[in-house]
Amino acid sequence: MKAHPKNTQLRSMLDDWADIANGFEQERTMHSKSPSTSP
């Protein structure tokens, strides 16, 4: 089976989105815990 570049691109894009969503989730929990530290 040949690796499709489009598939890898899509997969990496999805991975990036997952990372971004993870970051947002962590930030939200952090801010909700200590809102005074938020700018």
C-alpha atoms as a PDB file:
ATOM      1  CA  MET A   1       0.000   0.000   0.000  1.00  0.00           C
ATOM      2  CA  LYS A   2       1.276   3.450  -0.899  1.00  0.00           C
ATOM      3  CA  ALA A   3       1.101   6.208   1.683  1.00  0.00           C
ATOM      4  CA  HIS A   4      -1.154   8.981   0.429  1.00  0.00           C
ATOM      5  CA  PRO A   5       0.363  12.432   1.108  1.00  0.00           C
ATOM      6  CA  LYS A   6      -3.130  13.888   1.430  1.00  0.00           C
ATOM      7  CA  ASN A   7      -3.989  11.386   4.150  1.00  0.00           C
ATOM      8  CA  THR A   8      -0.833  12.162   6.120  1.00  0.00           C
ATOM      9  CA  GLN A   9      -1.474  15.881   5.710  1.00  0.00           C
ATOM     10  CA  LEU A  10      -5.029  15.479   6.966  1.00  0.00           C
ATOM     11  CA  ARG A  11      -3.884  13.329   9.868  1.00  0.00           C
ATOM     12  CA  SER A  12      -1.210  15.830  10.902  1.00  0.00           C
ATOM     13  CA  MET A  13      -3.784  18.621  10.594  1.00  0.00           C
ATOM     14  CA  LEU A  14      -6.178  16.724  12.845  1.00  0.00           C
ATOM     15  CA  ASP A  15      -3.341  16.125  15.306  1.00  0.00           C
ATOM     16  CA  ASP A  16      -2.598  19.856  15.308  1.00  0.00           C
ATOM     17  CA  TRP A  17      -6.258  20.637  15.974  1.00  0.00           C
ATOM     18  CA  ALA A  18      -6.292  18.111  18.814  1.00  0.00           C
ATOM     19  CA  ASP A  19      -3.218  19.785  20.328  1.00  0.00           C
ATOM     20  CA  ILE A  20      -4.844  23.224  20.008  1.00  0.00           C
ATOM     21  CA  ALA A  21      -8.069  21.963  21.592  1.00  0.00           C
ATOM     22  CA  ASN A  22      -6.002  20.429  24.401  1.00  0.00           C
ATOM     23  CA  GLY A  23      -4.267  23.753  25.020  1.00  0.00           C
ATOM     24  CA  PHE A  24      -7.573  25.621  25.116  1.00  0.00           C
ATOM     25  CA  GLU A  25      -9.007  23.089  27.565  1.00  0.00           C
ATOM     26  CA  GLN A  26      -5.977  23.391  29.862  1.00  0.00           C
ATOM     27  CA  GLU A  27      -6.088  27.197  29.712  1.00  0.00           C
ATOM     28  CA  ARG A  28      -9.809  27.237  30.501  1.00  0.00           C
ATOM     29  CA  THR A  29      -9.369  25.008  33.551  1.00  0.00           C
ATOM     30  CA  MET A  30      -6.395  27.082  34.693  1.00  0.00           C
ATOM     31  CA  HIS A  31      -8.310  30.367  34.370  1.00  0.00           C
ATOM     32  CA  SER A  32     -11.407  28.992  36.076  1.00  0.00           C
ATOM     33  CA  LYS A  33      -9.216  27.872  38.985  1.00  0.00           C
ATOM     34  CA  SER A  34      -7.380  31.191  39.368  1.00  0.00           C
ATOM     35  CA  PRO A  35      -9.062  34.052  37.470  1.00  0.00           C
ATOM     36  CA  SER A  36      -6.882  36.622  39.247  1.00  0.00           C
ATOM     37  CA  THR A  37      -3.804  35.469  37.273  1.00  0.00           C
ATOM     38  CA  SER A  38      -5.508  36.115  33.922  1.00  0.00           C
ATOM     39  CA  PRO A  39      -4.430  39.401  32.277  1.00  0.00           C
END
